[in-house]
Amino acid sequence: MVRNFTDKVRLEVSTSSTISAVFFPTLLSMAKMPSPFIIQARGAPTTKYVHKPIELRYYVDLGTDEWPWPTELSAYELEKILSSFNDKELAMFVAGEIDGDGAIRYEKIQNNKEKVTVLITACKACPKRLILDVLRDTIAKRFGIIGTINHLGTDDALVFRGEKAVRLLRLIRPFVHHPLRRLRIELILALHDGKISREAFEELYKTTEYERGAPDIKRNHALEALAQTAPQTHTHGRIKHKPKN
């Protein structure tokens, strides 16, 4: 989120995800070295095995004259920004959206056929909802890949299916950093290009799946990830002191 104060602007991101706990401070450090803080999340847990959800938040404060981006992005401004990108830059932007708010799915359907889906989601009431329409039109105009807007309860999603999804995956593959999504891309494209058998694909794809509502390594481990990546602030065992001369 972006918060406006009298003398500064704050950029803040929060997560319970293991992966985001590592990537978010890297992203924020492009503007300024971020500060972390921890809060108990509001509302009921979204995962049934979590009793008290905890969020790890990172933020940077910048002076109003230091802030390089618009604080209220309109559809017109976003379209102008995306139109100024070359093909590689636009593919990188799409990959960033999928890293953060996207999903890549593979399903086997009737007659041993497959269904590949790529989607980017945003809550209906969020300011970033405008991104979906602008991105759909920009991708169609630039790459000829047609997506649709689907309504999913409180969220909307920009969705690409079938061969359109595969074409989009080929464009963004070099720029996706999310480990599970990157692995899914590599496996789906390897299957489509005949580099692996369907049996091998299905066995490998299982490693990228997790059961909803069950413990998994991706969610609710942000604090553990922060602790593991932070510099050690303590020592283990007894400390041996050098004798004084």
C-alpha atoms as a PDB file:
ATOM      1  CA  MET A   1       0.000   0.000   0.000  1.00  0.00           C
ATOM      2  CA  VAL A   2       0.970   3.638  -0.424  1.00  0.00           C
ATOM      3  CA  ARG A   3       0.224   6.050   2.415  1.00  0.00           C
ATOM      4  CA  ASN A   4       0.416   9.831   2.159  1.00  0.00           C
ATOM      5  CA  PHE A   5       1.552  11.870   5.156  1.00  0.00           C
ATOM      6  CA  THR A   6       2.192  15.604   5.473  1.00  0.00           C
ATOM      7  CA  ASP A   7       5.939  15.384   5.007  1.00  0.00           C
ATOM      8  CA  LYS A   8       6.480  11.904   3.551  1.00  0.00           C
ATOM      9  CA  VAL A   9       5.084   9.025   1.544  1.00  0.00           C
ATOM     10  CA  ARG A  10       5.235   5.443   2.862  1.00  0.00           C
ATOM     11  CA  LEU A  11       5.447   2.361   0.677  1.00  0.00           C
ATOM     12  CA  GLU A  12       4.472  -0.773   2.592  1.00  0.00           C
ATOM     13  CA  VAL A  13       4.105  -4.467   1.742  1.00  0.00           C
ATOM     14  CA  SER A  14       2.957  -7.287   4.035  1.00  0.00           C
ATOM     15  CA  THR A  15       3.106 -11.051   3.728  1.00  0.00           C
ATOM     16  CA  SER A  16       2.778 -14.404   5.472  1.00  0.00           C
ATOM     17  CA  SER A  17       4.541 -16.154   2.581  1.00  0.00           C
ATOM     18  CA  THR A  18       7.994 -17.690   2.813  1.00  0.00           C
ATOM     19  CA  ILE A  19       8.904 -16.540  -0.694  1.00  0.00           C
ATOM     20  CA  SER A  20       7.651 -12.963  -0.341  1.00  0.00           C
ATOM     21  CA  ALA A  21       9.509 -12.545   2.944  1.00  0.00           C
ATOM     22  CA  VAL A  22      12.727 -12.739   0.955  1.00  0.00           C
ATOM     23  CA  PHE A  23      11.680 -10.887  -2.206  1.00  0.00           C
ATOM     24  CA  PHE A  24       9.773  -7.943  -0.689  1.00  0.00           C
ATOM     25  CA  PRO A  25      12.767  -6.305   1.054  1.00  0.00           C
ATOM     26  CA  THR A  26      14.800  -6.772  -2.120  1.00  0.00           C
ATOM     27  CA  LEU A  27      12.165  -4.884  -4.097  1.00  0.00           C
ATOM     28  CA  LEU A  28      11.811  -2.107  -1.523  1.00  0.00           C
ATOM     29  CA  SER A  29      15.568  -1.669  -1.247  1.00  0.00           C
ATOM     30  CA  MET A  30      15.494  -0.316  -4.818  1.00  0.00           C
ATOM     31  CA  ALA A  31      13.975   2.797  -3.260  1.00  0.00           C
ATOM     32  CA  LYS A  32      15.469   2.690   0.247  1.00  0.00           C
ATOM     33  CA  MET A  33      16.593   0.159   2.875  1.00  0.00           C
ATOM     34  CA  PRO A  34      13.299  -1.181   4.334  1.00  0.00           C
ATOM     35  CA  SER A  35      12.335  -1.563   7.984  1.00  0.00           C
ATOM     36  CA  PRO A  36      10.363  -4.641   9.148  1.00  0.00           C
ATOM     37  CA  PHE A  37       7.639  -4.928  11.786  1.00  0.00           C
ATOM     38  CA  ILE A  38       5.280  -7.712  12.837  1.00  0.00           C
ATOM     39  CA  ILE A  39       1.555  -7.543  13.583  1.00  0.00           C
ATOM     40  CA  GLN A  40      -1.271  -9.957  14.234  1.00  0.00           C
ATOM     41  CA  ALA A  41      -3.479  -9.906  11.152  1.00  0.00           C
ATOM     42  CA  ARG A  42      -7.084  -8.809  11.445  1.00  0.00           C
ATOM     43  CA  GLY A  43     -10.047 -11.050  10.759  1.00  0.00           C
ATOM     44  CA  ALA A  44     -10.454 -14.790  10.838  1.00  0.00           C
ATOM     45  CA  PRO A  45      -7.633 -17.005   9.586  1.00  0.00           C
ATOM     46  CA  THR A  46      -7.934 -17.891   5.905  1.00  0.00           C
ATOM     47  CA  THR A  47      -6.192 -21.215   6.479  1.00  0.00           C
ATOM     48  CA  LYS A  48      -7.872 -23.707   8.813  1.00  0.00           C
ATOM     49  CA  TYR A  49      -4.723 -24.887  10.615  1.00  0.00           C
ATOM     50  CA  VAL A  50      -3.685 -21.304  11.506  1.00  0.00           C
ATOM     51  CA  HIS A  51      -5.160 -20.008  14.786  1.00  0.00           C
ATOM     52  CA  LYS A  52      -3.564 -16.559  15.002  1.00  0.00           C
ATOM     53  CA  PRO A  53      -2.389 -15.250  11.617  1.00  0.00           C
ATOM     54  CA  ILE A  54       0.702 -13.047  11.831  1.00  0.00           C
ATOM     55  CA  GLU A  55       1.884 -10.672   9.114  1.00  0.00           C
ATOM     56  CA  LEU A  56       5.418  -9.579   8.442  1.00  0.00           C
ATOM     57  CA  ARG A  57       5.464  -6.037   7.083  1.00  0.00           C
ATOM     58  CA  TYR A  58       8.214  -4.036   5.418  1.00  0.00           C
ATOM     59  CA  TYR A  59       8.096  -0.305   4.793  1.00  0.00           C
ATOM     60  CA  VAL A  60      10.131   2.625   3.527  1.00  0.00           C
ATOM     61  CA  ASP A  61       9.456   6.297   4.233  1.00  0.00           C
ATOM     62  CA  LEU A  62      10.436   8.807   1.558  1.00  0.00           C
ATOM     63  CA  GLY A  63      10.217  12.585   1.517  1.00  0.00           C
ATOM     64  CA  THR A  64       7.501  13.941  -0.744  1.00  0.00           C
ATOM     65  CA  ASP A  65      10.185  15.282  -3.090  1.00  0.00           C
ATOM     66  CA  GLU A  66      11.909  11.856  -3.196  1.00  0.00           C
ATOM     67  CA  TRP A  67       8.864   9.824  -4.284  1.00  0.00           C
ATOM     68  CA  PRO A  68       9.400   8.855  -7.961  1.00  0.00           C
ATOM     69  CA  TRP A  69       5.989   7.289  -8.799  1.00  0.00           C
ATOM     70  CA  PRO A  70       2.368   8.493  -8.940  1.00  0.00           C
ATOM     71  CA  THR A  71       0.530   7.859  -5.645  1.00  0.00           C
ATOM     72  CA  GLU A  72      -2.831   7.537  -7.408  1.00  0.00           C
ATOM     73  CA  LEU A  73      -2.375   5.746 -10.711  1.00  0.00           C
ATOM     74  CA  SER A  74      -5.171   6.208 -13.231  1.00  0.00           C
ATOM     75  CA  ALA A  75      -5.976   3.879 -16.119  1.00  0.00           C
ATOM     76  CA  TYR A  76      -4.774   6.540 -18.545  1.00  0.00           C
ATOM     77  CA  GLU A  77      -1.398   6.923 -16.792  1.00  0.00           C
ATOM     78  CA  LEU A  78      -0.898   3.164 -16.566  1.00  0.00           C
ATOM     79  CA  GLU A  79      -1.748   2.676 -20.247  1.00  0.00           C
ATOM     80  CA  LYS A  80       0.755   5.409 -21.150  1.00  0.00           C
ATOM     81  CA  ILE A  81       3.473   3.729 -19.036  1.00  0.00           C
ATOM     82  CA  LEU A  82       2.861   0.265 -20.492  1.00  0.00           C
ATOM     83  CA  SER A  83       2.745   1.615 -24.038  1.00  0.00           C
ATOM     84  CA  SER A  84       6.198   3.125 -23.537  1.00  0.00           C
ATOM     85  CA  PHE A  85       7.684  -0.300 -22.715  1.00  0.00           C
ATOM     86  CA  ASN A  86       9.387  -2.369 -25.376  1.00  0.00           C
ATOM     87  CA  ASP A  87       8.339  -6.023 -25.715  1.00  0.00           C
ATOM     88  CA  LYS A  88      10.888  -7.274 -23.179  1.00  0.00           C
ATOM     89  CA  GLU A  89       9.940  -4.643 -20.597  1.00  0.00           C
ATOM     90  CA  LEU A  90       6.243  -5.394 -21.015  1.00  0.00           C
ATOM     91  CA  ALA A  91       6.899  -9.138 -20.589  1.00  0.00           C
ATOM     92  CA  MET A  92       8.851  -8.311 -17.409  1.00  0.00           C
ATOM     93  CA  PHE A  93       5.912  -6.281 -16.090  1.00  0.00           C
ATOM     94  CA  VAL A  94       3.479  -9.139 -16.772  1.00  0.00           C
ATOM     95  CA  ALA A  95       5.876 -11.576 -15.091  1.00  0.00           C
ATOM     96  CA  GLY A  96       5.989  -9.284 -12.045  1.00  0.00           C
ATOM     97  CA  GLU A  97       2.186  -9.297 -11.855  1.00  0.00           C
ATOM     98  CA  ILE A  98       2.151 -13.103 -12.009  1.00  0.00           C
ATOM     99  CA  ASP A  99       4.925 -13.308  -9.394  1.00  0.00           C
ATOM    100  CA  GLY A 100       2.811 -11.212  -7.022  1.00  0.00           C
ATOM    101  CA  ASP A 101      -0.880 -11.730  -7.783  1.00  0.00           C
ATOM    102  CA  GLY A 102      -0.911 -14.499 -10.354  1.00  0.00           C
ATOM    103  CA  ALA A 103      -1.374 -18.235 -10.681  1.00  0.00           C
ATOM    104  CA  ILE A 104      -0.402 -20.886 -13.213  1.00  0.00           C
ATOM    105  CA  ARG A 105      -2.504 -24.036 -13.372  1.00  0.00           C
ATOM    106  CA  TYR A 106      -2.528 -27.296 -15.274  1.00  0.00           C
ATOM    107  CA  GLU A 107      -5.474 -29.720 -15.322  1.00  0.00           C
ATOM    108  CA  LYS A 108      -6.125 -32.919 -17.207  1.00  0.00           C
ATOM    109  CA  ILE A 109      -9.627 -32.953 -18.728  1.00  0.00           C
ATOM    110  CA  GLN A 110     -11.633 -35.390 -20.857  1.00  0.00           C
ATOM    111  CA  ASN A 111      -9.976 -37.567 -23.534  1.00  0.00           C
ATOM    112  CA  ASN A 112      -6.570 -37.120 -21.893  1.00  0.00           C
ATOM    113  CA  LYS A 113      -6.480 -33.479 -22.999  1.00  0.00           C
ATOM    114  CA  GLU A 114      -4.962 -30.718 -20.920  1.00  0.00           C
ATOM    115  CA  LYS A 115      -6.028 -27.288 -19.775  1.00  0.00           C
ATOM    116  CA  VAL A 116      -3.417 -24.626 -19.016  1.00  0.00           C
ATOM    117  CA  THR A 117      -4.577 -21.456 -17.273  1.00  0.00           C
ATOM    118  CA  VAL A 118      -2.719 -18.276 -16.364  1.00  0.00           C
ATOM    119  CA  LEU A 119      -4.476 -15.666 -14.250  1.00  0.00           C
ATOM    120  CA  ILE A 120      -3.804 -12.386 -12.466  1.00  0.00           C
ATOM    121  CA  THR A 121      -6.205 -11.427  -9.682  1.00  0.00           C
ATOM    122  CA  ALA A 122      -7.247  -8.229  -7.905  1.00  0.00           C
ATOM    123  CA  CYS A 123     -10.010  -7.571  -5.385  1.00  0.00           C
ATOM    124  CA  LYS A 124     -13.003  -5.796  -6.901  1.00  0.00           C
ATOM    125  CA  ALA A 125     -12.808  -2.915  -4.404  1.00  0.00           C
ATOM    126  CA  CYS A 126      -9.029  -2.359  -4.638  1.00  0.00           C
ATOM    127  CA  PRO A 127      -7.531   0.592  -6.561  1.00  0.00           C
ATOM    128  CA  LYS A 128      -5.258  -1.863  -8.413  1.00  0.00           C
ATOM    129  CA  ARG A 129      -8.344  -3.448 -10.028  1.00  0.00           C
ATOM    130  CA  LEU A 130      -7.866  -1.057 -12.964  1.00  0.00           C
ATOM    131  CA  ILE A 131      -4.625  -2.882 -13.832  1.00  0.00           C
ATOM    132  CA  LEU A 132      -6.566  -5.900 -15.119  1.00  0.00           C
ATOM    133  CA  ASP A 133      -8.441  -4.049 -17.877  1.00  0.00           C
ATOM    134  CA  VAL A 134      -5.424  -2.048 -19.003  1.00  0.00           C
ATOM    135  CA  LEU A 135      -3.188  -5.131 -18.994  1.00  0.00           C
ATOM    136  CA  ARG A 136      -5.738  -7.198 -20.942  1.00  0.00           C
ATOM    137  CA  ASP A 137      -5.969  -4.539 -23.670  1.00  0.00           C
ATOM    138  CA  THR A 138      -2.202  -3.913 -23.785  1.00  0.00           C
ATOM    139  CA  ILE A 139      -1.310  -7.622 -24.052  1.00  0.00           C
ATOM    140  CA  ALA A 140      -3.895  -8.123 -26.803  1.00  0.00           C
ATOM    141  CA  LYS A 141      -2.657  -5.115 -28.760  1.00  0.00           C
ATOM    142  CA  ARG A 142       1.064  -5.856 -28.391  1.00  0.00           C
ATOM    143  CA  PHE A 143       1.235  -9.666 -28.488  1.00  0.00           C
ATOM    144  CA  GLY A 144      -2.125 -10.671 -29.977  1.00  0.00           C
ATOM    145  CA  ILE A 145      -2.887 -12.817 -26.907  1.00  0.00           C
ATOM    146  CA  ILE A 146      -6.518 -12.436 -25.862  1.00  0.00           C
ATOM    147  CA  GLY A 147      -7.530 -12.695 -22.209  1.00  0.00           C
ATOM    148  CA  THR A 148     -10.883 -12.363 -20.454  1.00  0.00           C
ATOM    149  CA  ILE A 149     -11.985 -10.835 -17.157  1.00  0.00           C
ATOM    150  CA  ASN A 150     -13.647 -13.377 -14.851  1.00  0.00           C
ATOM    151  CA  HIS A 151     -15.581 -12.551 -11.684  1.00  0.00           C
ATOM    152  CA  LEU A 152     -14.573 -14.708  -8.694  1.00  0.00           C
ATOM    153  CA  GLY A 153     -16.566 -13.708  -5.627  1.00  0.00           C
ATOM    154  CA  THR A 154     -14.845 -10.669  -4.112  1.00  0.00           C
ATOM    155  CA  ASP A 155     -12.047 -10.828  -6.705  1.00  0.00           C
ATOM    156  CA  ASP A 156     -11.737 -10.321 -10.439  1.00  0.00           C
ATOM    157  CA  ALA A 157      -9.190 -12.127 -12.573  1.00  0.00           C
ATOM    158  CA  LEU A 158      -7.558 -11.589 -15.945  1.00  0.00           C
ATOM    159  CA  VAL A 159      -7.500 -15.114 -17.386  1.00  0.00           C
ATOM    160  CA  PHE A 160      -5.654 -16.713 -20.316  1.00  0.00           C
ATOM    161  CA  ARG A 161      -6.453 -20.307 -21.289  1.00  0.00           C
ATOM    162  CA  GLY A 162      -5.133 -23.032 -23.537  1.00  0.00           C
ATOM    163  CA  GLU A 163      -2.742 -22.032 -26.311  1.00  0.00           C
ATOM    164  CA  LYS A 164      -3.093 -18.362 -25.349  1.00  0.00           C
ATOM    165  CA  ALA A 165      -1.819 -19.228 -21.873  1.00  0.00           C
ATOM    166  CA  VAL A 166       1.081 -21.226 -23.328  1.00  0.00           C
ATOM    167  CA  ARG A 167       2.055 -18.336 -25.610  1.00  0.00           C
ATOM    168  CA  LEU A 168       2.057 -15.975 -22.641  1.00  0.00           C
ATOM    169  CA  LEU A 169       4.188 -18.396 -20.603  1.00  0.00           C
ATOM    170  CA  ARG A 170       6.811 -18.448 -23.373  1.00  0.00           C
ATOM    171  CA  LEU A 171       7.050 -14.651 -23.202  1.00  0.00           C
ATOM    172  CA  ILE A 172       7.380 -14.342 -19.432  1.00  0.00           C
ATOM    173  CA  ARG A 173       9.442 -17.466 -18.668  1.00  0.00           C
ATOM    174  CA  PRO A 174      12.836 -15.677 -18.360  1.00  0.00           C
ATOM    175  CA  PHE A 175      11.445 -13.098 -15.925  1.00  0.00           C
ATOM    176  CA  VAL A 176       9.345 -15.082 -13.416  1.00  0.00           C
ATOM    177  CA  HIS A 177      11.124 -15.424 -10.043  1.00  0.00           C
ATOM    178  CA  HIS A 178       8.503 -17.199  -7.908  1.00  0.00           C
ATOM    179  CA  PRO A 179      10.022 -20.701  -7.517  1.00  0.00           C
ATOM    180  CA  LEU A 180       6.813 -22.750  -7.785  1.00  0.00           C
ATOM    181  CA  ARG A 181       5.381 -20.707 -10.656  1.00  0.00           C
ATOM    182  CA  ARG A 182       8.685 -20.785 -12.518  1.00  0.00           C
ATOM    183  CA  LEU A 183       8.865 -24.561 -12.105  1.00  0.00           C
ATOM    184  CA  ARG A 184       5.321 -24.951 -13.416  1.00  0.00           C
ATOM    185  CA  ILE A 185       6.177 -22.851 -16.463  1.00  0.00           C
ATOM    186  CA  GLU A 186       9.249 -24.938 -17.229  1.00  0.00           C
ATOM    187  CA  LEU A 187       7.318 -28.195 -16.883  1.00  0.00           C
ATOM    188  CA  ILE A 188       4.337 -27.062 -18.983  1.00  0.00           C
ATOM    189  CA  LEU A 189       6.552 -25.791 -21.798  1.00  0.00           C
ATOM    190  CA  ALA A 190       8.735 -28.910 -21.684  1.00  0.00           C
ATOM    191  CA  LEU A 191       5.598 -31.037 -22.112  1.00  0.00           C
ATOM    192  CA  HIS A 192       4.315 -28.872 -24.971  1.00  0.00           C
ATOM    193  CA  ASP A 193       7.680 -29.004 -26.732  1.00  0.00           C
ATOM    194  CA  GLY A 194       7.922 -32.784 -26.400  1.00  0.00           C
ATOM    195  CA  LYS A 195      10.983 -32.661 -24.134  1.00  0.00           C
ATOM    196  CA  ILE A 196       9.414 -34.853 -21.455  1.00  0.00           C
ATOM    197  CA  SER A 197       6.738 -37.540 -21.498  1.00  0.00           C
ATOM    198  CA  ARG A 198       3.307 -36.953 -20.032  1.00  0.00           C
ATOM    199  CA  GLU A 199       4.028 -39.535 -17.324  1.00  0.00           C
ATOM    200  CA  ALA A 200       7.227 -37.728 -16.298  1.00  0.00           C
ATOM    201  CA  PHE A 201       5.446 -34.370 -16.422  1.00  0.00           C
ATOM    202  CA  GLU A 202       2.604 -35.497 -14.170  1.00  0.00           C
ATOM    203  CA  GLU A 203       5.011 -36.981 -11.634  1.00  0.00           C
ATOM    204  CA  LEU A 204       7.110 -33.789 -11.526  1.00  0.00           C
ATOM    205  CA  TYR A 205       4.081 -31.482 -11.492  1.00  0.00           C
ATOM    206  CA  LYS A 206       2.855 -33.118  -8.271  1.00  0.00           C
ATOM    207  CA  THR A 207       5.823 -31.553  -6.465  1.00  0.00           C
ATOM    208  CA  THR A 208       4.422 -28.064  -7.211  1.00  0.00           C
ATOM    209  CA  GLU A 209       0.963 -28.760  -5.791  1.00  0.00           C
ATOM    210  CA  TYR A 210      -0.296 -28.326  -2.262  1.00  0.00           C
ATOM    211  CA  GLU A 211      -3.595 -29.102  -0.588  1.00  0.00           C
ATOM    212  CA  ARG A 212      -5.817 -26.165   0.300  1.00  0.00           C
ATOM    213  CA  GLY A 213      -6.255 -25.925   4.040  1.00  0.00           C
ATOM    214  CA  ALA A 214      -3.285 -28.177   4.767  1.00  0.00           C
ATOM    215  CA  PRO A 215       0.188 -27.131   5.940  1.00  0.00           C
ATOM    216  CA  ASP A 216       2.542 -26.192   3.131  1.00  0.00           C
ATOM    217  CA  ILE A 217       5.970 -24.638   2.861  1.00  0.00           C
ATOM    218  CA  LYS A 218       4.735 -21.566   0.985  1.00  0.00           C
ATOM    219  CA  ARG A 219       2.297 -19.978   3.437  1.00  0.00           C
ATOM    220  CA  ASN A 220       2.557 -18.761   7.032  1.00  0.00           C
ATOM    221  CA  HIS A 221       6.315 -19.111   7.305  1.00  0.00           C
ATOM    222  CA  ALA A 222       7.392 -15.521   6.657  1.00  0.00           C
ATOM    223  CA  LEU A 223       8.935 -15.063  10.110  1.00  0.00           C
ATOM    224  CA  GLU A 224      10.977 -18.256   9.803  1.00  0.00           C
ATOM    225  CA  ALA A 225      12.250 -17.097   6.410  1.00  0.00           C
ATOM    226  CA  LEU A 226      13.196 -13.685   7.817  1.00  0.00           C
ATOM    227  CA  ALA A 227      15.047 -15.301  10.717  1.00  0.00           C
ATOM    228  CA  GLN A 228      16.991 -17.575   8.380  1.00  0.00           C
ATOM    229  CA  THR A 229      18.004 -14.808   5.983  1.00  0.00           C
ATOM    230  CA  ALA A 230      18.835 -12.173   8.612  1.00  0.00           C
ATOM    231  CA  PRO A 231      22.398 -11.856   9.947  1.00  0.00           C
ATOM    232  CA  GLN A 232      22.963 -13.840  13.121  1.00  0.00           C
ATOM    233  CA  THR A 233      22.554 -11.722  16.235  1.00  0.00           C
ATOM    234  CA  HIS A 234      23.470 -14.429  18.750  1.00  0.00           C
ATOM    235  CA  THR A 235      25.968 -17.215  19.214  1.00  0.00           C
ATOM    236  CA  HIS A 236      25.341 -20.832  20.092  1.00  0.00           C
ATOM    237  CA  GLY A 237      27.064 -22.562  22.993  1.00  0.00           C
ATOM    238  CA  ARG A 238      29.499 -21.068  25.429  1.00  0.00           C
ATOM    239  CA  ILE A 239      31.750 -18.182  24.462  1.00  0.00           C
ATOM    240  CA  LYS A 240      35.425 -18.671  25.121  1.00  0.00           C
ATOM    241  CA  HIS A 241      37.078 -15.436  26.234  1.00  0.00           C
ATOM    242  CA  LYS A 242      40.685 -14.742  25.426  1.00  0.00           C
ATOM    243  CA  PRO A 243      42.795 -14.306  28.560  1.00  0.00           C
ATOM    244  CA  LYS A 244      43.847 -10.763  29.300  1.00  0.00           C
ATOM    245  CA  ASN A 245      47.533  -9.943  29.100  1.00  0.00           C
END
